Amino acid sequence: IKNTSGDIIVAVENIYQNKVIQHAYIKAYDTYTFTNIPYGTYVCKYMWTDRFGKKHYEKDNSSMEFSYTTTGDAGGYVITLQESINGNLSQSSISEEDFFE
């Protein structure tokens, strides 16, 4: 995860188990690498506080697949979190309860 803006919490959720397997607090302008993610299908959930002190909770609308390969390497993804007016990441708002489930 490359964070190009304010502090954020990112949670990686297995979509078939509806279970967060890892999460991280990522400071502004920092990067973080999630490791040892088992094979499966995942989405990221995000929580941040805006400049007015309001907390936001979002969840990706598309998933990431970590599949078994003959080399045993599942590969990976780079997600860059960057503020933009018409970004290319489709997300939906979720409740605070859904974020922490």
Protein backbone atom coordinates (compact mmCIF):
# COMPACT_ATOMS: atom_id res chain seq x y z
CA ILE A 1 0.00 0.00 0.00
CA LYS A 2 1.42 3.39 -1.00
CA ASN A 3 -0.26 6.16 0.95
CA THR A 4 0.09 9.57 -0.66
CA SER A 5 -2.28 11.43 1.65
CA GLY A 6 -3.42 11.40 5.31
CA ASP A 7 -3.17 8.57 7.84
CA ILE A 8 -5.40 5.58 7.10
CA ILE A 9 -6.25 2.12 8.41
CA VAL A 10 -6.41 -0.62 5.79
CA ALA A 11 -7.96 -4.01 6.49
CA VAL A 12 -7.69 -7.04 4.18
CA GLU A 13 -10.85 -9.17 4.26
CA ASN A 14 -11.38 -12.68 2.88
CA ILE A 15 -14.66 -12.30 0.99
CA TYR A 16 -15.77 -15.93 1.36
CA GLN A 17 -15.18 -16.06 5.10
CA ASN A 18 -16.20 -12.42 5.73
CA LYS A 19 -13.16 -12.22 7.97
CA VAL A 20 -10.41 -9.61 8.21
CA ILE A 21 -7.10 -11.46 8.07
CA GLN A 22 -4.74 -8.49 8.46
CA HIS A 23 -4.91 -4.76 9.05
CA ALA A 24 -2.44 -1.90 9.30
CA TYR A 25 -2.30 1.74 10.33
CA ILE A 26 -0.44 3.54 7.55
CA LYS A 27 0.81 7.05 8.17
CA ALA A 28 0.62 9.76 5.53
CA TYR A 29 3.24 9.41 2.76
CA ASP A 30 4.31 5.99 4.02
CA THR A 31 4.11 2.50 2.53
CA TYR A 32 3.16 -0.84 4.01
CA THR A 33 3.46 -4.39 2.69
CA PHE A 34 1.01 -7.07 3.76
CA THR A 35 2.77 -10.44 3.76
CA ASN A 36 1.82 -14.10 4.10
CA ILE A 37 -1.66 -13.67 2.65
CA PRO A 38 -3.12 -17.15 2.05
CA TYR A 39 -4.57 -18.13 -1.30
CA GLY A 40 -8.07 -16.73 -1.64
CA THR A 41 -10.13 -13.75 -2.72
CA TYR A 42 -9.90 -10.48 -0.81
CA VAL A 43 -11.11 -6.90 -0.65
CA CYS A 44 -9.61 -3.96 1.17
CA LYS A 45 -11.49 -1.85 3.66
CA TYR A 46 -10.35 1.67 4.53
CA MET A 47 -10.92 3.98 7.50
CA TRP A 48 -9.71 7.55 7.73
CA THR A 49 -10.59 10.82 9.43
CA ASP A 50 -11.05 13.90 7.26
CA ARG A 51 -9.83 17.38 8.11
CA PHE A 52 -13.16 18.13 9.85
CA GLY A 53 -12.77 15.16 12.20
CA LYS A 54 -15.38 12.97 10.46
CA LYS A 55 -14.51 9.27 10.18
CA HIS A 56 -15.04 7.54 6.84
CA TYR A 57 -15.40 3.80 6.24
CA GLU A 58 -15.15 2.35 2.72
CA LYS A 59 -14.83 -1.06 1.09
CA ASP A 60 -13.54 -1.88 -2.41
CA ASN A 61 -16.18 -2.93 -4.93
CA SER A 62 -13.75 -5.22 -6.72
CA SER A 63 -11.77 -8.10 -5.32
CA MET A 64 -8.18 -9.33 -5.57
CA GLU A 65 -7.45 -12.99 -6.26
CA PHE A 66 -4.43 -14.75 -4.78
CA SER A 67 -4.29 -18.08 -6.64
CA TYR A 68 -1.96 -21.04 -6.51
CA THR A 69 0.54 -21.20 -9.36
CA THR A 70 2.88 -24.00 -10.40
CA THR A 71 5.79 -21.96 -9.07
CA GLY A 72 4.05 -21.56 -5.72
CA ASP A 73 4.13 -17.77 -6.06
CA ALA A 74 0.79 -15.98 -5.81
CA GLY A 75 2.10 -12.61 -6.93
CA GLY A 76 0.71 -9.44 -5.46
CA TYR A 77 -0.88 -6.06 -5.90
CA VAL A 78 0.24 -2.48 -5.40
CA ILE A 79 -2.49 -0.14 -4.23
CA THR A 80 -1.74 3.58 -4.29
CA LEU A 81 -4.02 5.65 -2.10
CA GLN A 82 -4.16 9.10 -3.64
CA GLU A 83 -6.82 11.76 -3.27
CA SER A 84 -8.50 12.61 -6.56
CA ILE A 85 -11.80 14.02 -7.72
CA ASN A 86 -12.57 11.24 -10.21
CA GLY A 87 -10.41 8.38 -8.96
CA ASN A 88 -10.17 4.95 -10.57
CA LEU A 89 -11.01 2.91 -7.46
CA SER A 90 -14.64 1.96 -6.98
CA GLN A 91 -15.65 1.83 -3.32
CA SER A 92 -18.81 1.75 -1.26
CA SER A 93 -19.43 3.30 2.14
CA ILE A 94 -19.78 0.84 4.98
CA SER A 95 -20.65 1.25 8.63
CA GLU A 96 -18.12 1.41 11.45
CA GLU A 97 -19.44 -1.98 12.59
CA ASP A 98 -18.84 -3.49 9.14
CA PHE A 99 -15.29 -2.14 9.08
CA PHE A 100 -14.37 -3.77 12.38
CA GLU A 101 -16.13 -7.12 11.73
